[in-house]
Amino acid sequence: MSVQELAAWVENKLTERFGEALLMTEMHYDFPVFYVQRERLFEIMHFLKEDESLNFHFLTTMCGVHYPDKAGQELGMMYQLHNMPENRRIRLKTFMPVGDPTVDSLTPLWRTANWMEREAYDFYGIRFKGHPNLKRILNMDEMNYFPMRKEYPLEDGGRTDKPDAMFGR
């Protein structure tokens, strides 16, 4: 099955089962990408994992993203699933407003989601409903901000120890 055939097949199965909860499908290089409603994320992921014909049993990657100019969808989560016996991979994305950074935890489906969700919380402030131990994993507990959000300048504007030519300016 080609990657395009995989994308069409999974899209049909998701649309048939979840209707308008599948918001959009596109290809990013060799990845079929499915955008889903965050309110239905858990049941969609459960279906992708447990459906015998799909068999996406392996959660390979999960990470937060921040698009500050995308009003009402500033924060998001990206998930990559792998059907290892058939060597098929897909990506799912869901977005949420920065004022309500909440999505269901996938730890009941994949125990490996535990630390990846903690990392997304630690760096982006995304809260995972039902997570067994949602607390910072790498940063200090005293931090009152989320350092991977694009709300902070990449460099100190007052820095004089390196000339601008070193930064491509």
N, C-alpha and C. Protein backbone atom coordinates (compact mmCIF):
# COMPACT_ATOMS: atom_id res chain seq x y z
N MET A 1 0.85 -1.18 0.00
CA MET A 1 0.00 0.00 0.00
C MET A 1 0.89 1.24 0.00
N SER A 2 0.66 2.13 -0.95
CA SER A 2 1.44 3.37 -1.01
C SER A 2 1.01 4.31 0.13
N VAL A 3 1.81 5.31 0.37
CA VAL A 3 1.49 6.28 1.42
C VAL A 3 0.20 7.02 1.08
N GLN A 4 -0.02 7.32 -0.19
CA GLN A 4 -1.26 8.00 -0.60
C GLN A 4 -2.48 7.08 -0.39
N GLU A 5 -2.31 5.81 -0.69
CA GLU A 5 -3.40 4.85 -0.47
C GLU A 5 -3.68 4.69 1.02
N LEU A 6 -2.62 4.66 1.82
CA LEU A 6 -2.78 4.60 3.28
C LEU A 6 -3.56 5.81 3.78
N ALA A 7 -3.19 7.00 3.31
CA ALA A 7 -3.87 8.22 3.74
C ALA A 7 -5.36 8.16 3.40
N ALA A 8 -5.69 7.75 2.20
CA ALA A 8 -7.09 7.67 1.77
C ALA A 8 -7.85 6.62 2.58
N TRP A 9 -7.22 5.49 2.83
CA TRP A 9 -7.85 4.40 3.57
C TRP A 9 -8.15 4.81 5.02
N VAL A 10 -7.15 5.38 5.69
CA VAL A 10 -7.34 5.83 7.07
C VAL A 10 -8.36 6.96 7.12
N GLU A 11 -8.29 7.89 6.19
CA GLU A 11 -9.25 9.00 6.13
C GLU A 11 -10.68 8.46 6.01
N ASN A 12 -10.89 7.49 5.14
CA ASN A 12 -12.23 6.89 4.98
C ASN A 12 -12.70 6.23 6.26
N LYS A 13 -11.82 5.48 6.92
CA LYS A 13 -12.20 4.80 8.17
C LYS A 13 -12.53 5.82 9.27
N LEU A 14 -11.74 6.89 9.37
CA LEU A 14 -12.01 7.90 10.39
C LEU A 14 -13.29 8.67 10.09
N THR A 15 -13.50 9.02 8.84
CA THR A 15 -14.71 9.75 8.46
C THR A 15 -15.95 8.89 8.70
N GLU A 16 -15.86 7.63 8.34
CA GLU A 16 -16.97 6.70 8.53
C GLU A 16 -17.33 6.56 10.00
N ARG A 17 -16.32 6.53 10.86
CA ARG A 17 -16.54 6.30 12.29
C ARG A 17 -16.80 7.59 13.08
N PHE A 18 -16.10 8.68 12.71
CA PHE A 18 -16.15 9.89 13.53
C PHE A 18 -16.70 11.12 12.82
N GLY A 19 -17.01 11.00 11.56
CA GLY A 19 -17.63 12.10 10.82
C GLY A 19 -16.84 13.38 10.86
N GLU A 20 -17.47 14.44 11.32
CA GLU A 20 -16.87 15.77 11.30
C GLU A 20 -15.78 15.98 12.35
N ALA A 21 -15.51 14.98 13.18
CA ALA A 21 -14.40 15.10 14.13
C ALA A 21 -13.06 15.05 13.40
N LEU A 22 -13.06 14.51 12.18
CA LEU A 22 -11.87 14.58 11.33
C LEU A 22 -11.99 15.89 10.57
N LEU A 23 -11.14 16.84 10.90
CA LEU A 23 -11.25 18.20 10.36
C LEU A 23 -10.59 18.36 9.00
N MET A 24 -9.46 17.66 8.80
CA MET A 24 -8.71 17.84 7.57
C MET A 24 -7.67 16.74 7.46
N THR A 25 -7.29 16.43 6.22
CA THR A 25 -6.22 15.48 5.94
C THR A 25 -5.27 16.11 4.94
N GLU A 26 -3.98 15.91 5.14
CA GLU A 26 -2.99 16.37 4.17
C GLU A 26 -1.75 15.50 4.26
N MET A 27 -0.87 15.67 3.29
CA MET A 27 0.39 14.92 3.28
C MET A 27 1.53 15.87 3.62
N HIS A 28 2.37 15.46 4.56
CA HIS A 28 3.61 16.17 4.87
C HIS A 28 4.74 15.21 4.54
N TYR A 29 5.34 15.43 3.39
CA TYR A 29 6.41 14.54 2.92
C TYR A 29 5.86 13.12 2.83
N ASP A 30 6.36 12.19 3.64
CA ASP A 30 5.88 10.81 3.57
C ASP A 30 4.90 10.48 4.69
N PHE A 31 4.33 11.49 5.33
CA PHE A 31 3.39 11.26 6.43
C PHE A 31 1.98 11.70 6.06
N PRO A 32 1.00 10.81 6.15
CA PRO A 32 -0.39 11.26 6.13
C PRO A 32 -0.67 11.96 7.47
N VAL A 33 -1.24 13.15 7.41
CA VAL A 33 -1.52 13.93 8.62
C VAL A 33 -3.01 14.16 8.72
N PHE A 34 -3.56 13.84 9.90
CA PHE A 34 -5.00 13.97 10.15
C PHE A 34 -5.21 14.96 11.29
N TYR A 35 -5.99 16.00 11.02
CA TYR A 35 -6.33 17.00 12.02
C TYR A 35 -7.67 16.61 12.62
N VAL A 36 -7.72 16.52 13.95
CA VAL A 36 -8.93 16.04 14.62
C VAL A 36 -9.36 17.00 15.72
N GLN A 37 -10.65 16.95 16.06
CA GLN A 37 -11.17 17.75 17.17
C GLN A 37 -10.57 17.23 18.48
N ARG A 38 -10.13 18.14 19.32
CA ARG A 38 -9.51 17.70 20.57
C ARG A 38 -10.49 16.99 21.49
N GLU A 39 -11.78 17.34 21.40
CA GLU A 39 -12.78 16.70 22.25
C GLU A 39 -12.94 15.22 21.92
N ARG A 40 -12.57 14.81 20.72
CA ARG A 40 -12.73 13.42 20.30
C ARG A 40 -11.39 12.70 20.17
N LEU A 41 -10.31 13.35 20.56
CA LEU A 41 -8.97 12.81 20.37
C LEU A 41 -8.82 11.43 21.00
N PHE A 42 -9.23 11.28 22.25
CA PHE A 42 -9.02 10.01 22.94
C PHE A 42 -9.71 8.86 22.23
N GLU A 43 -10.98 9.05 21.86
CA GLU A 43 -11.68 7.94 21.22
C GLU A 43 -11.14 7.65 19.82
N ILE A 44 -10.66 8.68 19.12
CA ILE A 44 -10.03 8.46 17.81
C ILE A 44 -8.75 7.66 17.97
N MET A 45 -7.93 8.04 18.95
CA MET A 45 -6.68 7.31 19.19
C MET A 45 -6.97 5.87 19.64
N HIS A 46 -7.98 5.70 20.45
CA HIS A 46 -8.36 4.35 20.89
C HIS A 46 -8.76 3.50 19.68
N PHE A 47 -9.53 4.08 18.78
CA PHE A 47 -9.94 3.38 17.57
C PHE A 47 -8.73 3.01 16.70
N LEU A 48 -7.83 3.95 16.50
CA LEU A 48 -6.65 3.69 15.67
C LEU A 48 -5.78 2.58 16.27
N LYS A 49 -5.73 2.52 17.57
CA LYS A 49 -4.93 1.49 18.23
C LYS A 49 -5.62 0.13 18.20
N GLU A 50 -6.91 0.09 18.50
CA GLU A 50 -7.59 -1.18 18.72
C GLU A 50 -8.23 -1.80 17.48
N ASP A 51 -8.49 -1.01 16.45
CA ASP A 51 -9.07 -1.57 15.23
C ASP A 51 -8.05 -2.54 14.62
N GLU A 52 -8.45 -3.79 14.42
CA GLU A 52 -7.51 -4.81 13.96
C GLU A 52 -6.95 -4.54 12.57
N SER A 53 -7.73 -3.90 11.71
CA SER A 53 -7.22 -3.63 10.36
C SER A 53 -6.23 -2.45 10.35
N LEU A 54 -6.40 -1.51 11.29
CA LEU A 54 -5.48 -0.37 11.37
C LEU A 54 -4.23 -0.72 12.17
N ASN A 55 -4.43 -1.19 13.38
CA ASN A 55 -3.34 -1.73 14.22
C ASN A 55 -2.21 -0.73 14.49
N PHE A 56 -2.55 0.52 14.79
CA PHE A 56 -1.52 1.51 15.14
C PHE A 56 -1.25 1.41 16.64
N HIS A 57 -0.52 0.38 17.03
CA HIS A 57 -0.28 0.07 18.43
C HIS A 57 0.87 0.84 19.06
N PHE A 58 1.70 1.46 18.26
CA PHE A 58 2.90 2.08 18.81
C PHE A 58 2.84 3.60 18.69
N LEU A 59 2.82 4.27 19.83
CA LEU A 59 2.90 5.73 19.89
C LEU A 59 4.38 6.09 19.87
N THR A 60 4.87 6.56 18.73
CA THR A 60 6.30 6.83 18.61
C THR A 60 6.69 8.21 19.12
N THR A 61 5.84 9.19 18.88
CA THR A 61 6.18 10.57 19.20
C THR A 61 4.94 11.34 19.61
N MET A 62 5.13 12.26 20.52
CA MET A 62 4.07 13.19 20.93
C MET A 62 4.76 14.47 21.36
N CYS A 63 4.31 15.60 20.86
CA CYS A 63 4.94 16.85 21.29
C CYS A 63 3.97 18.02 21.14
N GLY A 64 4.24 19.05 21.90
CA GLY A 64 3.45 20.27 21.84
C GLY A 64 3.97 21.19 20.75
N VAL A 65 3.10 22.09 20.31
CA VAL A 65 3.47 23.13 19.34
C VAL A 65 2.79 24.43 19.74
N HIS A 66 3.37 25.55 19.31
CA HIS A 66 2.81 26.86 19.63
C HIS A 66 2.84 27.73 18.38
N TYR A 67 1.66 28.18 17.96
CA TYR A 67 1.52 29.11 16.84
C TYR A 67 0.80 30.35 17.37
N PRO A 68 1.53 31.33 17.89
CA PRO A 68 0.90 32.47 18.55
C PRO A 68 -0.01 33.30 17.65
N ASP A 69 0.17 33.25 16.34
CA ASP A 69 -0.65 34.05 15.42
C ASP A 69 -1.90 33.30 14.94
N LYS A 70 -2.11 32.10 15.38
CA LYS A 70 -3.24 31.28 14.94
C LYS A 70 -4.37 31.42 15.98
N ALA A 71 -5.13 32.48 15.88
CA ALA A 71 -6.14 32.84 16.89
C ALA A 71 -7.10 31.69 17.17
N GLY A 72 -7.23 31.36 18.46
CA GLY A 72 -8.13 30.29 18.89
C GLY A 72 -7.54 28.90 18.77
N GLN A 73 -6.40 28.81 18.14
CA GLN A 73 -5.71 27.52 17.99
C GLN A 73 -4.21 27.70 18.18
N GLU A 74 -3.86 28.46 19.19
CA GLU A 74 -2.46 28.80 19.40
C GLU A 74 -1.61 27.60 19.82
N LEU A 75 -2.18 26.72 20.62
CA LEU A 75 -1.43 25.55 21.10
C LEU A 75 -1.96 24.29 20.44
N GLY A 76 -1.08 23.33 20.30
CA GLY A 76 -1.50 22.07 19.69
C GLY A 76 -0.65 20.92 20.16
N MET A 77 -1.12 19.74 19.83
CA MET A 77 -0.38 18.51 20.09
C MET A 77 -0.26 17.74 18.79
N MET A 78 0.91 17.13 18.60
CA MET A 78 1.18 16.31 17.43
C MET A 78 1.52 14.91 17.93
N TYR A 79 0.91 13.91 17.31
CA TYR A 79 1.12 12.52 17.68
C TYR A 79 1.51 11.73 16.43
N GLN A 80 2.48 10.82 16.57
CA GLN A 80 2.83 9.92 15.48
C GLN A 80 2.60 8.49 15.94
N LEU A 81 1.88 7.74 15.10
CA LEU A 81 1.56 6.35 15.40
C LEU A 81 2.19 5.46 14.34
N HIS A 82 2.52 4.23 14.75
CA HIS A 82 3.18 3.29 13.85
C HIS A 82 2.51 1.92 13.96
N ASN A 83 2.14 1.38 12.82
CA ASN A 83 1.72 -0.02 12.72
C ASN A 83 2.99 -0.77 12.34
N MET A 84 3.62 -1.38 13.31
CA MET A 84 4.92 -1.99 13.08
C MET A 84 4.87 -3.22 12.16
N PRO A 85 3.90 -4.13 12.29
CA PRO A 85 3.89 -5.29 11.38
C PRO A 85 3.79 -4.90 9.90
N GLU A 86 3.04 -3.84 9.60
CA GLU A 86 2.86 -3.41 8.21
C GLU A 86 3.77 -2.23 7.84
N ASN A 87 4.51 -1.71 8.83
CA ASN A 87 5.38 -0.54 8.66
C ASN A 87 4.63 0.64 8.07
N ARG A 88 3.52 0.98 8.71
CA ARG A 88 2.70 2.13 8.30
C ARG A 88 2.76 3.18 9.40
N ARG A 89 2.90 4.43 9.00
CA ARG A 89 2.99 5.52 9.98
C ARG A 89 2.00 6.61 9.62
N ILE A 90 1.43 7.21 10.65
CA ILE A 90 0.53 8.35 10.46
C ILE A 90 0.81 9.38 11.54
N ARG A 91 0.34 10.58 11.29
CA ARG A 91 0.48 11.68 12.24
C ARG A 91 -0.90 12.28 12.49
N LEU A 92 -1.19 12.62 13.73
CA LEU A 92 -2.42 13.32 14.09
C LEU A 92 -2.06 14.62 14.77
N LYS A 93 -2.89 15.63 14.52
CA LYS A 93 -2.70 16.93 15.17
C LYS A 93 -4.04 17.42 15.69
N THR A 94 -3.98 18.09 16.82
CA THR A 94 -5.16 18.74 17.37
C THR A 94 -4.73 20.06 17.97
N PHE A 95 -5.61 21.05 17.91
CA PHE A 95 -5.27 22.41 18.36
C PHE A 95 -6.28 22.90 19.38
N MET A 96 -5.84 23.90 20.17
CA MET A 96 -6.68 24.45 21.24
C MET A 96 -6.29 25.90 21.49
N PRO A 97 -7.20 26.68 22.08
CA PRO A 97 -6.86 28.07 22.41
C PRO A 97 -5.89 28.12 23.59
N VAL A 98 -5.05 29.11 23.61
CA VAL A 98 -4.07 29.25 24.69
C VAL A 98 -4.77 29.48 26.03
N GLY A 99 -5.99 30.00 26.00
CA GLY A 99 -6.75 30.21 27.24
C GLY A 99 -7.36 28.94 27.81
N ASP A 100 -7.38 27.87 27.05
CA ASP A 100 -7.92 26.58 27.51
C ASP A 100 -7.02 25.45 26.98
N PRO A 101 -5.78 25.37 27.49
CA PRO A 101 -4.82 24.40 26.97
C PRO A 101 -5.01 23.01 27.56
N THR A 102 -6.14 22.39 27.25
CA THR A 102 -6.48 21.11 27.85
C THR A 102 -6.85 20.09 26.79
N VAL A 103 -6.33 18.88 26.96
CA VAL A 103 -6.65 17.76 26.07
C VAL A 103 -6.62 16.49 26.92
N ASP A 104 -7.32 15.46 26.48
CA ASP A 104 -7.35 14.20 27.24
C ASP A 104 -5.98 13.53 27.24
N SER A 105 -5.64 12.93 28.37
CA SER A 105 -4.41 12.17 28.48
C SER A 105 -4.55 10.85 27.72
N LEU A 106 -3.47 10.42 27.10
CA LEU A 106 -3.46 9.13 26.41
C LEU A 106 -2.78 8.05 27.24
N THR A 107 -2.46 8.35 28.50
CA THR A 107 -1.80 7.35 29.34
C THR A 107 -2.63 6.08 29.55
N PRO A 108 -3.97 6.13 29.53
CA PRO A 108 -4.70 4.86 29.61
C PRO A 108 -4.49 3.96 28.38
N LEU A 109 -4.13 4.56 27.25
CA LEU A 109 -3.90 3.78 26.03
C LEU A 109 -2.44 3.36 25.90
N TRP A 110 -1.53 4.30 26.18
CA TRP A 110 -0.09 4.05 26.06
C TRP A 110 0.58 4.59 27.31
N ARG A 111 1.19 3.71 28.07
CA ARG A 111 1.89 4.18 29.27
C ARG A 111 3.05 5.09 28.92
N THR A 112 3.60 4.94 27.73
CA THR A 112 4.71 5.80 27.31
C THR A 112 4.28 7.25 27.12
N ALA A 113 2.98 7.49 27.02
CA ALA A 113 2.49 8.87 26.88
C ALA A 113 2.77 9.67 28.16
N ASN A 114 2.95 9.00 29.26
CA ASN A 114 3.12 9.66 30.55
C ASN A 114 4.21 10.73 30.51
N TRP A 115 5.41 10.37 30.18
CA TRP A 115 6.50 11.34 30.21
C TRP A 115 6.43 12.33 29.07
N MET A 116 5.93 11.90 27.93
CA MET A 116 5.79 12.84 26.81
C MET A 116 4.75 13.91 27.14
N GLU A 117 3.67 13.55 27.82
CA GLU A 117 2.67 14.54 28.23
C GLU A 117 3.25 15.47 29.29
N ARG A 118 4.03 14.93 30.19
CA ARG A 118 4.68 15.77 31.20
C ARG A 118 5.61 16.77 30.54
N GLU A 119 6.32 16.37 29.50
CA GLU A 119 7.21 17.27 28.78
C GLU A 119 6.40 18.38 28.09
N ALA A 120 5.28 18.02 27.45
CA ALA A 120 4.44 19.03 26.77
C ALA A 120 3.86 20.00 27.80
N TYR A 121 3.50 19.50 28.97
CA TYR A 121 3.03 20.38 30.03
C TYR A 121 4.15 21.31 30.48
N ASP A 122 5.32 20.74 30.72
CA ASP A 122 6.46 21.49 31.24
C ASP A 122 6.87 22.62 30.30
N PHE A 123 6.90 22.37 29.00
CA PHE A 123 7.41 23.35 28.06
C PHE A 123 6.35 24.23 27.41
N TYR A 124 5.10 23.74 27.31
CA TYR A 124 4.04 24.49 26.62
C TYR A 124 2.85 24.83 27.51
N GLY A 125 2.73 24.20 28.67
CA GLY A 125 1.61 24.47 29.56
C GLY A 125 0.34 23.74 29.16
N ILE A 126 0.43 22.74 28.32
CA ILE A 126 -0.75 21.97 27.92
C ILE A 126 -1.08 21.00 29.05
N ARG A 127 -2.33 21.04 29.51
CA ARG A 127 -2.79 20.18 30.59
C ARG A 127 -3.48 18.95 30.01
N PHE A 128 -3.24 17.80 30.62
CA PHE A 128 -3.78 16.54 30.14
C PHE A 128 -4.75 15.97 31.17
N LYS A 129 -6.04 16.02 30.81
CA LYS A 129 -7.08 15.50 31.71
C LYS A 129 -6.88 14.01 31.92
N GLY A 130 -6.86 13.62 33.19
CA GLY A 130 -6.72 12.21 33.53
C GLY A 130 -5.28 11.73 33.66
N HIS A 131 -4.32 12.63 33.53
CA HIS A 131 -2.92 12.22 33.68
C HIS A 131 -2.64 11.85 35.13
N PRO A 132 -1.94 10.75 35.39
CA PRO A 132 -1.74 10.30 36.77
C PRO A 132 -0.78 11.14 37.60
N ASN A 133 0.09 11.95 36.99
CA ASN A 133 1.08 12.70 37.76
C ASN A 133 1.60 13.89 36.95
N LEU A 134 0.70 14.79 36.60
CA LEU A 134 1.07 15.90 35.72
C LEU A 134 1.82 16.97 36.51
N LYS A 135 3.14 16.93 36.38
CA LYS A 135 3.99 17.95 36.99
C LYS A 135 5.21 18.11 36.11
N ARG A 136 5.96 19.16 36.34
CA ARG A 136 7.15 19.43 35.53
C ARG A 136 8.10 18.24 35.57
N ILE A 137 8.77 18.02 34.44
CA ILE A 137 9.67 16.88 34.35
C ILE A 137 11.13 17.30 34.18
N LEU A 138 11.37 18.45 33.54
CA LEU A 138 12.75 18.90 33.30
C LEU A 138 13.04 20.25 33.92
N ASN A 139 12.06 21.13 33.97
CA ASN A 139 12.26 22.47 34.53
C ASN A 139 11.95 22.49 36.02
N MET A 140 12.36 23.55 36.66
CA MET A 140 12.12 23.69 38.10
C MET A 140 10.64 23.94 38.37
N ASP A 141 10.14 23.42 39.45
CA ASP A 141 8.74 23.61 39.84
C ASP A 141 8.40 25.08 40.03
N GLU A 142 9.36 25.91 40.39
CA GLU A 142 9.13 27.32 40.66
C GLU A 142 8.90 28.15 39.40
N MET A 143 9.18 27.60 38.23
CA MET A 143 8.99 28.36 36.99
C MET A 143 7.52 28.71 36.82
N ASN A 144 7.25 29.96 36.50
CA ASN A 144 5.86 30.40 36.32
C ASN A 144 5.57 30.70 34.85
N TYR A 145 6.35 30.11 33.95
CA TYR A 145 6.13 30.29 32.52
C TYR A 145 6.50 28.99 31.81
N PHE A 146 6.21 28.95 30.52
CA PHE A 146 6.44 27.75 29.72
C PHE A 146 7.42 28.12 28.60
N PRO A 147 8.68 27.71 28.74
CA PRO A 147 9.77 28.27 27.92
C PRO A 147 9.73 27.98 26.42
N MET A 148 8.99 27.00 25.95
CA MET A 148 8.97 26.73 24.51
C MET A 148 7.89 27.53 23.77
N ARG A 149 7.06 28.24 24.50
CA ARG A 149 6.11 29.11 23.83
C ARG A 149 6.86 30.26 23.18
N LYS A 150 6.37 30.72 22.07
CA LYS A 150 7.06 31.76 21.31
C LYS A 150 6.70 33.16 21.82
N GLU A 151 6.57 33.29 23.11
CA GLU A 151 6.26 34.58 23.74
C GLU A 151 7.52 35.30 24.17
N TYR A 152 8.66 34.64 24.02
CA TYR A 152 9.90 35.17 24.52
C TYR A 152 10.88 35.35 23.37
N PRO A 153 11.71 36.40 23.40
CA PRO A 153 12.69 36.60 22.32
C PRO A 153 13.72 35.47 22.32
N LEU A 154 14.22 35.14 21.14
CA LEU A 154 15.20 34.08 21.02
C LEU A 154 16.56 34.47 21.60
N GLU A 155 16.83 35.76 21.61
CA GLU A 155 18.10 36.22 22.13
C GLU A 155 17.92 37.53 22.85
N ASP A 156 18.90 37.86 23.64
CA ASP A 156 18.89 39.10 24.40
C ASP A 156 19.24 40.27 23.47
N GLY A 157 18.31 41.20 23.29
CA GLY A 157 18.54 42.34 22.41
C GLY A 157 19.65 43.25 22.87
N GLY A 158 19.98 43.21 24.13
CA GLY A 158 21.04 44.06 24.67
C GLY A 158 22.40 43.41 24.67
N ARG A 159 22.48 42.24 24.11
CA ARG A 159 23.75 41.50 24.12
C ARG A 159 24.77 42.17 23.21
N THR A 160 25.97 42.41 23.73
CA THR A 160 27.01 43.08 22.95
C THR A 160 28.26 42.25 22.79
N ASP A 161 28.29 41.04 23.34
CA ASP A 161 29.52 40.24 23.30
C ASP A 161 29.74 39.54 21.95
N LYS A 162 28.72 39.51 21.09
CA LYS A 162 28.86 38.88 19.77
C LYS A 162 28.30 39.81 18.71
N PRO A 163 29.03 40.01 17.62
CA PRO A 163 28.53 40.91 16.57
C PRO A 163 27.35 40.29 15.82
N ASP A 164 26.48 41.14 15.26
CA ASP A 164 25.31 40.67 14.54
C ASP A 164 25.67 39.75 13.38
N ALA A 165 26.85 39.90 12.80
CA ALA A 165 27.25 39.05 11.68
C ALA A 165 27.27 37.57 12.07
N MET A 166 27.48 37.29 13.34
CA MET A 166 27.49 35.89 13.81
C MET A 166 26.09 35.27 13.78
N PHE A 167 25.07 36.11 13.70
CA PHE A 167 23.69 35.63 13.71
C PHE A 167 23.05 35.78 12.33
N GLY A 168 23.85 36.01 11.30
CA GLY A 168 23.33 36.10 9.95
C GLY A 168 22.68 37.42 9.62
N ARG A 169 22.97 38.47 10.38
CA ARG A 169 22.39 39.80 10.12
C ARG A 169 23.42 40.73 9.54
